[in-house]
């Protein structure tokens, strides 16, 4: 689930319409080039530039010219059987009519080329079926079986040899690849090489500069081929990310508007600044996944009140997500936390954080609006809990229209029930349950008139943390607490 852990920079689209892109994939080798992993990665890479609208076809055979008509660009991530005359002709005409194609790495050879991997010889050899006749002209290269190969995978510099082309213009002179360096490619006369790399004999190479990125014309269309991209590690190299995205834009449009650097692991500069606070109670580590893959959330982590509630708390963060359990706070921490609340910031308190700072009446009475009594106290018996129970939680009438529970369906989770808590009469209940071992309020807005405070009782189990409806709820609460959702 790499898609859950990567966060990419949303680069503002410079055009009203995005490039309509179709990735042709599926049916192919997963041992050497696993399309099931690489295709989602490439789709995300392109879409998160803000320039592309990407769809995926895992069964290319049967595609017609009419199927391809809405698209501007084809991306080939395929090493399976041939597609049949109608589909192959449709792809040829798509490019020749003036549209774009981008291919890379393993697509350079394989069944479309009439090749088959010979396990005994450990190399690609001519296959039982003839290759697609127009394939070489579409990618700008032809393979000879006796030449196919690459040395040992290693890290090597790729040099832009044509720095005036729109794809390479404005880029640094070279970038690092962590990949296989293909050698002995037979480029067709119409190809234009943009980048090369030296194939060192010490790594099993040829001792020559080998082409890495090139373009070729096919009728009125544009085709780009990149020999890099063996696996996700290779594709995550900054140079590959930038080259791939810019090549895709140029192949589709004939120009490049994307920046010279396209960060893969970056976040939106104006994202909600979240501090997640833990400690004092065990919790599933999947708690952290609540913040991953969110382009508009930038988060930090603190494991104690002393670490969390510093004098600069208010200036550094917009929302606190509390998943800790401490009975009291030091005076300095109380002062910082009170200032944060008084400034109208956001608080999202999750599950056992209802026990937080219970030695401080202002906090649980006027901010959170609830308290779990760990022990019996005068006027109130101890609260009760039960782990591992199935709970159904639904929106109240107020919750049906509140931003925190917007588009949040009924939640059916296996979690921990809490019963016998104190609730302020001023809380606004957004979600509730009829489960007999749980108090009725489950999600509610706290009573503080200045801060935006949400308490979410659920959050004990790993399955709850990973439950899409719950994740939507927490995300909404964070955005609402930061005043980004109204």
Protein backbone atom coordinates (compact mmCIF):
# COMPACT_ATOMS: atom_id res chain seq x y z
CA UNK A 1 0.00 0.00 0.00
CA UNK A 2 2.62 2.44 -1.00
CA UNK A 3 -0.19 4.67 -2.06
CA UNK A 4 -1.08 5.20 1.61
CA UNK A 5 2.44 6.33 2.57
CA UNK A 6 3.50 8.57 -0.14
CA UNK A 7 2.64 12.33 -0.01
CA UNK A 8 3.31 14.42 -3.08
CA UNK A 9 3.39 18.12 -3.89
CA UNK A 10 0.23 19.29 -5.60
CA UNK A 11 1.65 21.56 -8.29
CA UNK A 12 -1.05 23.99 -9.49
CA UNK A 13 -2.26 23.11 -12.95
CA UNK A 14 -1.29 25.77 -15.44
CA UNK A 15 -4.08 24.83 -17.83
CA UNK A 16 -7.84 24.65 -17.47
CA UNK A 17 -7.92 21.17 -18.96
CA UNK A 18 -5.68 18.35 -17.87
CA UNK A 19 -3.94 16.03 -20.27
CA UNK A 20 -6.21 13.02 -20.71
CA UNK A 21 -3.93 10.02 -20.25
CA UNK A 22 -4.46 6.28 -20.59
CA UNK A 23 -1.98 3.76 -19.13
CA UNK A 24 -1.96 0.47 -21.04
CA UNK A 25 -0.89 -2.27 -18.66
CA UNK A 26 -1.80 -5.70 -17.26
CA UNK A 27 -1.52 -9.29 -18.48
CA UNK A 28 2.23 -9.14 -18.24
CA UNK A 29 5.30 -10.26 -16.35
CA UNK A 30 5.19 -9.55 -12.61
CA UNK A 31 8.44 -11.30 -11.70
CA UNK A 32 10.80 -8.78 -13.28
CA UNK A 33 8.58 -5.74 -13.81
CA UNK A 34 5.51 -5.82 -11.58
CA UNK A 35 2.87 -3.70 -13.29
CA UNK A 36 0.48 -4.19 -10.36
CA UNK A 37 2.83 -2.08 -8.26
CA UNK A 38 4.28 0.31 -10.82
CA UNK A 39 1.03 1.32 -12.53
CA UNK A 40 -0.61 2.89 -9.44
CA UNK A 41 2.70 4.62 -8.69
CA UNK A 42 2.92 6.14 -12.18
CA UNK A 43 -0.73 7.14 -12.13
CA UNK A 44 -0.24 8.95 -8.83
CA UNK A 45 3.00 10.55 -10.03
CA UNK A 46 1.27 12.07 -13.05
CA UNK A 47 -2.00 13.05 -11.39
CA UNK A 48 -0.36 14.81 -8.48
CA UNK A 49 1.46 17.21 -10.77
CA UNK A 50 -1.97 18.68 -11.39
CA UNK A 51 -1.41 18.39 -15.15
CA UNK A 52 -2.84 14.96 -15.97
CA UNK A 53 -6.15 13.12 -15.70
CA UNK A 54 -5.16 9.44 -15.78
CA UNK A 55 -7.14 6.29 -16.45
CA UNK A 56 -5.87 2.69 -16.59
CA UNK A 57 -6.65 -0.17 -18.97
CA UNK A 58 -5.56 -3.62 -17.78
CA UNK A 59 -6.96 -5.48 -20.79
CA UNK A 60 -5.67 -3.55 -23.82
CA UNK A 61 -6.65 -6.26 -26.29
CA UNK A 62 -9.91 -5.19 -27.85
CA UNK A 63 -9.33 -1.43 -27.62
CA UNK A 64 -10.58 0.38 -30.71
CA UNK A 65 -9.89 3.75 -32.27
CA UNK A 66 -13.14 4.96 -30.73
CA UNK A 67 -11.92 3.87 -27.27
CA UNK A 68 -8.76 5.97 -27.64
CA UNK A 69 -10.43 9.05 -29.10
CA UNK A 70 -10.91 10.93 -25.77
CA UNK A 71 -7.22 10.67 -24.81
CA UNK A 72 -4.18 12.83 -25.52
CA UNK A 73 -1.48 10.44 -24.29
CA UNK A 74 -0.82 6.72 -24.03
CA UNK A 75 1.63 5.43 -21.42
CA UNK A 76 2.87 1.88 -22.11
CA UNK A 77 3.58 -0.24 -19.04
CA UNK A 78 3.03 -3.60 -20.69
CA UNK A 79 4.95 -6.80 -21.44
CA UNK A 80 2.18 -9.24 -22.25
CA UNK A 81 0.75 -10.94 -25.35
CA UNK A 82 0.14 -9.03 -28.55
CA UNK A 83 -3.10 -7.06 -28.70
CA UNK A 84 -4.46 -8.09 -32.08
CA UNK A 85 -4.57 -6.25 -35.37
CA UNK A 86 -7.44 -3.88 -34.57
CA UNK A 87 -5.97 -2.64 -31.28
CA UNK A 88 -2.44 -2.35 -32.62
CA UNK A 89 -3.68 -0.41 -35.64
CA UNK A 90 -5.73 1.86 -33.35
CA UNK A 91 -2.63 2.66 -31.27
CA UNK A 92 -0.57 3.35 -34.41
CA UNK A 93 -3.18 5.73 -35.77
CA UNK A 94 -3.62 7.38 -32.36
CA UNK A 95 0.03 8.46 -32.35
CA UNK A 96 0.30 9.23 -36.05
CA UNK A 97 -2.75 11.47 -35.89
CA UNK A 98 -0.81 13.90 -33.68
CA UNK A 99 -1.15 12.54 -30.18
CA UNK A 100 1.50 11.27 -27.75
CA UNK A 101 3.01 8.06 -26.41
CA UNK A 102 5.42 7.47 -23.52
CA UNK A 103 7.11 4.10 -22.98
CA UNK A 104 9.84 3.01 -20.60
CA UNK A 105 12.21 0.28 -19.41
CA UNK A 106 10.82 -3.24 -19.93
CA UNK A 107 8.48 -2.04 -22.65
CA UNK A 108 11.61 -1.68 -24.81
CA UNK A 109 11.42 -5.40 -25.59
CA UNK A 110 9.12 -8.33 -24.85
CA UNK A 111 6.16 -10.04 -26.53
CA UNK A 112 5.04 -6.98 -28.49
CA UNK A 113 8.45 -7.17 -30.07
CA UNK A 114 8.09 -10.88 -30.75
CA UNK A 115 10.43 -11.76 -27.85
CA UNK A 116 10.16 -14.37 -25.09
CA UNK A 117 12.29 -14.76 -21.97
CA UNK A 118 14.26 -18.01 -22.00
CA UNK A 119 14.70 -19.12 -18.38
CA UNK A 120 17.40 -21.66 -19.29
CA UNK A 121 19.46 -19.15 -21.25
CA UNK A 122 18.43 -16.33 -18.85
CA UNK A 123 17.89 -13.90 -21.69
CA UNK A 124 15.26 -12.65 -24.08
CA UNK A 125 15.10 -14.65 -27.30
CA UNK A 126 12.92 -14.57 -30.40
CA UNK A 127 9.47 -15.84 -29.45
CA UNK A 128 7.11 -18.22 -31.21
CA UNK A 129 5.04 -15.34 -32.60
CA UNK A 130 6.14 -12.53 -34.85
CA UNK A 131 6.31 -9.09 -33.31
CA UNK A 132 4.13 -6.09 -34.01
CA UNK A 133 5.61 -4.67 -37.24
CA UNK A 134 5.09 -1.00 -36.36
CA UNK A 135 6.29 -1.32 -32.75
CA UNK A 136 9.91 -0.39 -33.44
CA UNK A 137 8.91 2.79 -35.27
CA UNK A 138 6.61 3.79 -32.42
CA UNK A 139 9.30 3.56 -29.71
CA UNK A 140 12.21 4.54 -31.97
CA UNK A 141 14.40 1.48 -31.37
CA UNK A 142 14.93 -2.06 -32.54
CA UNK A 143 16.45 -4.92 -30.54
CA UNK A 144 18.72 -7.63 -31.85
CA UNK A 145 18.47 -10.78 -29.69
CA UNK A 146 22.24 -11.11 -29.60
CA UNK A 147 22.60 -7.61 -28.18
CA UNK A 148 19.86 -7.46 -25.58
CA UNK A 149 21.20 -6.91 -22.09
CA UNK A 150 22.42 -4.72 -19.28
CA UNK A 151 25.14 -4.88 -16.69
CA UNK A 152 24.73 -5.16 -12.93
CA UNK A 153 22.25 -2.76 -11.44
CA UNK A 154 24.04 0.22 -9.92
CA UNK A 155 23.89 3.96 -9.34
CA UNK A 156 25.05 6.01 -12.31
CA UNK A 157 24.78 9.58 -13.61
CA UNK A 158 22.54 10.32 -16.58
CA UNK A 159 23.69 13.27 -18.68
CA UNK A 160 21.35 15.49 -20.67
CA UNK A 161 23.09 15.69 -24.05
CA UNK A 162 20.40 17.85 -25.64
CA UNK A 163 19.58 20.63 -23.21
CA UNK A 164 17.59 22.71 -25.69
CA UNK A 165 14.69 20.29 -25.96
CA UNK A 166 11.54 21.32 -24.01
CA UNK A 167 11.82 18.18 -21.84
CA UNK A 168 15.37 18.92 -20.70
CA UNK A 169 15.41 22.71 -20.93
CA UNK A 170 16.19 24.31 -17.58
CA UNK A 171 17.17 21.05 -15.90
CA UNK A 172 20.49 20.37 -14.19
CA UNK A 173 23.12 18.92 -16.57
CA UNK A 174 22.78 15.43 -15.11
CA UNK A 175 20.87 13.35 -12.57
CA UNK A 176 21.46 10.10 -10.70
CA UNK A 177 19.74 6.85 -11.63
CA UNK A 178 19.55 3.74 -9.45
CA UNK A 179 18.68 1.25 -12.13
CA UNK A 180 19.65 -1.17 -14.85
CA UNK A 181 21.61 0.48 -17.64
CA UNK A 182 20.41 -0.98 -20.93
CA UNK A 183 23.02 -1.33 -23.65
CA UNK A 184 23.42 -2.11 -27.36
CA UNK A 185 20.14 -0.59 -28.45
CA UNK A 186 19.68 -0.07 -32.19
CA UNK A 187 18.03 3.32 -32.48
CA UNK A 188 16.18 4.16 -35.66
CA UNK A 189 17.43 7.11 -37.75
CA UNK A 190 14.48 9.32 -36.80
CA UNK A 191 15.26 9.21 -33.05
CA UNK A 192 16.62 12.21 -31.20
CA UNK A 193 18.67 11.31 -28.13
CA UNK A 194 18.15 13.61 -25.14
CA UNK A 195 20.16 11.84 -22.42
CA UNK A 196 22.90 9.21 -22.18
CA UNK A 197 24.83 7.33 -19.50
CA UNK A 198 28.28 5.75 -19.56
CA UNK A 199 28.05 1.94 -19.44
CA UNK A 200 31.08 0.98 -17.37
CA UNK A 201 32.74 -2.37 -18.14
CA UNK A 202 33.30 -2.78 -14.39
CA UNK A 203 29.52 -3.29 -14.01
CA UNK A 204 29.19 -5.52 -17.06
CA UNK A 205 28.61 -2.68 -19.49
CA UNK A 206 29.95 -1.81 -22.92
CA UNK A 207 32.45 0.91 -22.05
CA UNK A 208 30.41 3.35 -24.15
CA UNK A 209 27.80 6.03 -23.69
CA UNK A 210 24.38 4.45 -24.09
CA UNK A 211 21.11 6.26 -24.90
CA UNK A 212 18.75 6.61 -21.94
CA UNK A 213 16.04 9.03 -23.09
CA UNK A 214 15.05 9.74 -26.66
CA UNK A 215 12.18 11.00 -28.78
CA UNK A 216 10.89 9.95 -32.15
CA UNK A 217 8.26 11.18 -34.53
CA UNK A 218 5.46 8.91 -35.71
CA UNK A 219 3.43 10.70 -38.33
CA UNK A 220 2.19 13.90 -36.67
CA UNK A 221 2.61 12.43 -33.19
CA UNK A 222 5.35 12.45 -30.58
CA UNK A 223 6.84 9.46 -28.77
CA UNK A 224 9.28 9.42 -25.87
CA UNK A 225 11.12 6.38 -24.57
CA UNK A 226 12.99 6.15 -21.24
CA UNK A 227 15.06 3.04 -20.55
CA UNK A 228 14.94 3.65 -16.78
CA UNK A 229 12.26 2.41 -14.37
CA UNK A 230 13.04 -1.16 -13.30
CA UNK A 231 11.13 -0.95 -10.00
CA UNK A 232 9.68 1.54 -7.53
CA UNK A 233 13.11 2.37 -6.10
CA UNK A 234 14.31 3.28 -9.57
CA UNK A 235 11.15 5.25 -10.32
CA UNK A 236 11.39 7.18 -7.05
CA UNK A 237 14.67 8.80 -8.04
CA UNK A 238 14.08 12.57 -8.42
CA UNK A 239 15.60 12.58 -11.90
CA UNK A 240 13.24 9.87 -13.13
CA UNK A 241 10.20 11.61 -11.62
CA UNK A 242 10.98 14.90 -13.32
CA UNK A 243 11.98 13.35 -16.66
CA UNK A 244 8.91 11.08 -16.76
CA UNK A 245 6.37 13.82 -16.00
CA UNK A 246 7.93 16.36 -18.37
CA UNK A 247 8.25 13.73 -21.11
CA UNK A 248 4.58 12.85 -20.69
CA UNK A 249 3.51 16.47 -21.03
CA UNK A 250 5.68 17.05 -24.11
CA UNK A 251 4.54 13.85 -25.83
CA UNK A 252 0.91 14.88 -25.36
CA UNK A 253 1.13 18.59 -26.12
CA UNK A 254 4.47 19.42 -27.74
CA UNK A 255 5.39 21.76 -24.89
CA UNK A 256 6.44 21.59 -21.24
CA UNK A 257 5.01 23.80 -18.51
CA UNK A 258 5.91 21.62 -15.53
CA UNK A 259 8.72 22.87 -13.25
CA UNK A 260 12.35 21.78 -13.37
CA UNK A 261 11.95 19.91 -10.09
CA UNK A 262 8.91 17.79 -9.23
CA UNK A 263 9.21 16.58 -5.62
CA UNK A 264 7.77 13.15 -4.96
CA UNK A 265 7.84 13.18 -1.16
CA UNK A 266 6.65 16.69 -0.38
CA UNK A 267 3.52 18.32 0.97
CA UNK A 268 1.45 21.35 0.24
CA UNK A 269 3.07 24.50 1.60
CA UNK A 270 -0.19 25.80 3.04
CA UNK A 271 -1.29 22.47 4.51
CA UNK A 272 -2.93 22.24 7.92
CA UNK A 273 -0.17 22.03 10.53
CA UNK A 274 -1.08 19.16 12.84
CA UNK A 275 0.61 18.03 16.04
CA UNK A 276 -0.26 14.45 17.00
CA UNK A 277 0.25 13.86 20.73
CA UNK A 278 0.63 10.33 22.15
CA UNK A 279 1.92 8.69 25.30
CA UNK A 280 0.56 7.37 28.57
CA UNK A 281 -1.47 4.56 26.98
CA UNK A 282 -0.82 1.86 24.33
CA UNK A 283 -2.30 2.37 20.87
CA UNK A 284 -2.11 0.74 17.42
CA UNK A 285 0.72 2.12 15.30
CA UNK A 286 -1.78 2.43 12.44
CA UNK A 287 -2.80 5.64 14.21
CA UNK A 288 -0.04 7.35 12.24
CA UNK A 289 -1.56 6.30 8.93
CA UNK A 290 -4.41 8.72 9.60
CA UNK A 291 -2.09 11.52 8.52
CA UNK A 292 -0.25 9.86 5.65
CA UNK A 293 -1.14 10.47 2.03
CA UNK A 294 -2.98 13.69 2.91
CA UNK A 295 -1.69 16.41 0.59
CA UNK A 296 -3.21 19.20 2.66
CA UNK A 297 -1.96 18.03 6.07
CA UNK A 298 1.56 18.55 7.41
CA UNK A 299 2.02 16.74 10.69
CA UNK A 300 4.48 16.38 13.53
CA UNK A 301 4.54 14.08 16.55
CA UNK A 302 5.10 14.53 20.27
CA UNK A 303 5.25 11.74 22.85
CA UNK A 304 4.66 13.76 26.03
CA UNK A 305 2.94 16.95 27.18
CA UNK A 306 6.32 18.56 27.90
CA UNK A 307 7.40 17.91 24.32
CA UNK A 308 4.03 18.94 22.88
CA UNK A 309 2.89 22.03 24.76
CA UNK A 310 5.82 24.37 24.32
CA UNK A 311 5.66 28.20 24.38
CA UNK A 312 5.64 28.32 20.57
CA UNK A 313 2.76 25.84 20.25
CA UNK A 314 0.30 28.43 18.96
CA UNK A 315 2.60 29.76 16.26
CA UNK A 316 3.65 26.33 14.97
CA UNK A 317 0.36 24.41 14.74
CA UNK A 318 -3.26 24.80 13.66
CA UNK A 319 -4.73 21.60 15.12
CA UNK A 320 -3.84 19.23 17.96
CA UNK A 321 -4.80 15.57 17.57
CA UNK A 322 -4.73 14.08 21.06
CA UNK A 323 -4.32 10.33 21.43
CA UNK A 324 -2.53 10.44 24.76
CA UNK A 325 -3.59 9.87 28.36
CA UNK A 326 -2.01 11.97 31.11
CA UNK A 327 -3.80 12.95 34.30
CA UNK A 328 -2.24 16.36 34.73
CA UNK A 329 -0.05 18.99 33.07
CA UNK A 330 2.73 21.15 34.38
CA UNK A 331 1.85 24.85 34.79
CA UNK A 332 3.85 25.87 31.69
CA UNK A 333 2.11 23.23 29.56
CA UNK A 334 -1.29 24.34 30.85
CA UNK A 335 -0.49 27.92 29.93
CA UNK A 336 0.51 27.01 26.36
CA UNK A 337 -2.50 24.76 25.85
CA UNK A 338 -4.91 27.34 27.22
CA UNK A 339 -3.44 29.99 24.91
CA UNK A 340 -3.88 27.61 21.97
CA UNK A 341 -7.57 27.14 22.83
CA UNK A 342 -8.19 30.82 23.52
CA UNK A 343 -6.70 31.65 20.10
CA UNK A 344 -9.47 29.64 18.47
CA UNK A 345 -7.34 26.77 17.23
CA UNK A 346 -8.49 23.19 16.59
CA UNK A 347 -8.55 20.21 18.96
CA UNK A 348 -9.37 16.64 17.88
CA UNK A 349 -9.43 14.32 20.88
CA UNK A 350 -9.51 10.60 20.12
CA UNK A 351 -10.60 7.64 22.22
CA UNK A 352 -8.64 7.31 25.50
CA UNK A 353 -7.73 11.00 25.36
CA UNK A 354 -11.09 11.50 27.12
CA UNK A 355 -9.05 10.71 30.25
CA UNK A 356 -6.58 13.49 29.44
CA UNK A 357 -5.72 16.17 32.03
CA UNK A 358 -8.60 15.24 34.33
CA UNK A 359 -6.87 17.01 37.24
CA UNK A 360 -7.61 20.24 35.34
CA UNK A 361 -11.40 20.89 35.53
CA UNK A 362 -11.30 23.70 32.95
CA UNK A 363 -10.05 21.27 30.34
CA UNK A 364 -12.63 18.51 30.66
CA UNK A 365 -15.55 20.72 31.64
CA UNK A 366 -15.13 23.71 29.30
CA UNK A 367 -13.02 22.41 26.40
CA UNK A 368 -13.61 18.72 25.75
CA UNK A 369 -17.01 18.51 27.44
CA UNK A 370 -16.57 14.98 28.71
CA UNK A 371 -14.73 12.84 31.22
CA UNK A 372 -14.11 9.13 31.72
CA UNK A 373 -13.86 8.42 35.46
CA UNK A 374 -11.02 5.94 35.97
CA UNK A 375 -11.92 5.73 39.65
CA UNK A 376 -15.03 6.41 41.63
CA UNK A 377 -15.23 10.00 42.81
CA UNK A 378 -17.70 11.78 45.09
CA UNK A 379 -20.92 12.12 43.19
CA UNK A 380 -19.86 9.91 40.28
CA UNK A 381 -19.11 6.17 40.03
CA UNK A 382 -16.22 4.82 37.99
CA UNK A 383 -16.87 4.61 34.25
CA UNK A 384 -16.79 1.21 32.51
CA UNK A 385 -15.19 -0.10 29.33
CA UNK A 386 -15.29 -3.27 27.28
CA UNK A 387 -12.84 -4.11 24.50
CA UNK A 388 -13.51 -5.94 21.26
CA UNK A 389 -17.20 -5.27 20.77
CA UNK A 390 -19.09 -4.51 17.56
CA UNK A 391 -20.51 -1.00 17.62
CA UNK A 392 -22.77 0.70 15.07
CA UNK A 393 -22.51 4.50 15.06
CA UNK A 394 -24.85 6.74 13.07
CA UNK A 395 -25.23 10.46 12.51
CA UNK A 396 -27.70 12.50 14.55
CA UNK A 397 -30.01 15.05 12.96
CA UNK A 398 -27.36 17.72 13.64
CA UNK A 399 -24.62 15.47 12.32
CA UNK A 400 -26.42 15.04 9.01
CA UNK A 401 -25.53 18.61 8.11
CA UNK A 402 -22.36 19.30 10.10
CA UNK A 403 -19.01 19.59 8.24
CA UNK A 404 -17.27 17.11 10.58
CA UNK A 405 -19.64 14.29 9.65
CA UNK A 406 -20.23 15.36 6.05
CA UNK A 407 -20.17 12.32 3.76
CA UNK A 408 -19.44 10.06 6.75
CA UNK A 409 -21.60 6.93 6.47
CA UNK A 410 -22.75 4.82 9.40
CA UNK A 411 -19.69 3.29 11.06
CA UNK A 412 -19.64 -0.41 11.91
CA UNK A 413 -16.50 -1.13 13.90
CA UNK A 414 -15.01 -3.56 16.36
CA UNK A 415 -13.72 -1.24 19.04
CA UNK A 416 -13.90 -0.42 22.75
CA UNK A 417 -17.13 0.64 24.42
CA UNK A 418 -17.21 3.37 27.09
CA UNK A 419 -20.12 3.73 29.50
CA UNK A 420 -20.91 5.90 32.48
CA UNK A 421 -18.98 9.03 31.46
CA UNK A 422 -19.83 12.61 32.28
CA UNK A 423 -20.95 14.76 29.34
CA UNK A 424 -21.46 18.49 29.39
CA UNK A 425 -25.03 19.55 28.56
CA UNK A 426 -23.47 22.00 26.08
CA UNK A 427 -21.85 19.47 23.74
CA UNK A 428 -23.28 19.08 20.22
CA UNK A 429 -23.63 15.37 19.42
CA UNK A 430 -22.90 14.52 15.79
CA UNK A 431 -22.84 10.71 15.94
CA UNK A 432 -24.36 8.32 18.43
CA UNK A 433 -24.93 4.63 19.17
CA UNK A 434 -27.67 2.53 20.70
CA UNK A 435 -25.18 -0.13 21.83
CA UNK A 436 -26.14 -0.92 25.45
CA UNK A 437 -22.56 -1.03 26.79
CA UNK A 438 -21.77 2.44 25.47
CA UNK A 439 -22.99 5.92 26.26
CA UNK A 440 -25.13 7.36 23.49
CA UNK A 441 -22.81 10.24 22.39
CA UNK A 442 -19.84 8.98 20.32
CA UNK A 443 -18.74 12.00 18.28
CA UNK A 444 -19.44 15.50 19.49
CA UNK A 445 -18.33 19.12 19.37
CA UNK A 446 -17.03 20.48 22.66
CA UNK A 447 -18.56 23.43 24.52
CA UNK A 448 -15.69 25.93 24.21
CA UNK A 449 -16.95 29.03 22.37
CA UNK A 450 -13.56 29.98 20.91
CA UNK A 451 -11.77 26.80 19.80
CA UNK A 452 -13.09 24.18 17.40
CA UNK A 453 -13.07 21.02 19.51
CA UNK A 454 -14.17 17.55 18.41
CA UNK A 455 -14.16 14.39 20.51
CA UNK A 456 -14.24 11.02 18.70
CA UNK A 457 -14.69 8.09 21.06
CA UNK A 458 -13.72 5.38 18.55
CA UNK A 459 -10.04 4.62 17.99
CA UNK A 460 -9.02 1.63 20.08
CA UNK A 461 -8.38 -0.98 17.39
CA UNK A 462 -6.17 -1.27 14.34
CA UNK A 463 -9.20 -2.14 12.21
CA UNK A 464 -10.91 1.09 13.25
CA UNK A 465 -7.86 3.16 12.35
CA UNK A 466 -7.85 1.61 8.89
CA UNK A 467 -11.62 1.82 8.36
CA UNK A 468 -12.35 4.26 5.50
CA UNK A 469 -15.37 5.83 7.17
CA UNK A 470 -13.40 6.48 10.35
CA UNK A 471 -10.49 7.95 8.42
CA UNK A 472 -12.90 10.28 6.63
CA UNK A 473 -14.32 11.36 9.99
CA UNK A 474 -10.89 12.17 11.47
CA UNK A 475 -9.83 14.03 8.34
CA UNK A 476 -13.01 16.12 8.37
CA UNK A 477 -12.50 16.93 12.06
CA UNK A 478 -8.93 18.11 11.38
CA UNK A 479 -9.94 20.31 8.45
CA UNK A 480 -12.90 21.73 10.35
CA UNK A 481 -10.72 22.41 13.39
CA UNK A 482 -8.34 24.36 11.14
CA UNK A 483 -11.29 26.27 9.65
CA UNK A 484 -10.68 24.77 6.22
CA UNK A 485 -14.07 23.02 6.15
CA UNK A 486 -17.27 24.96 6.74
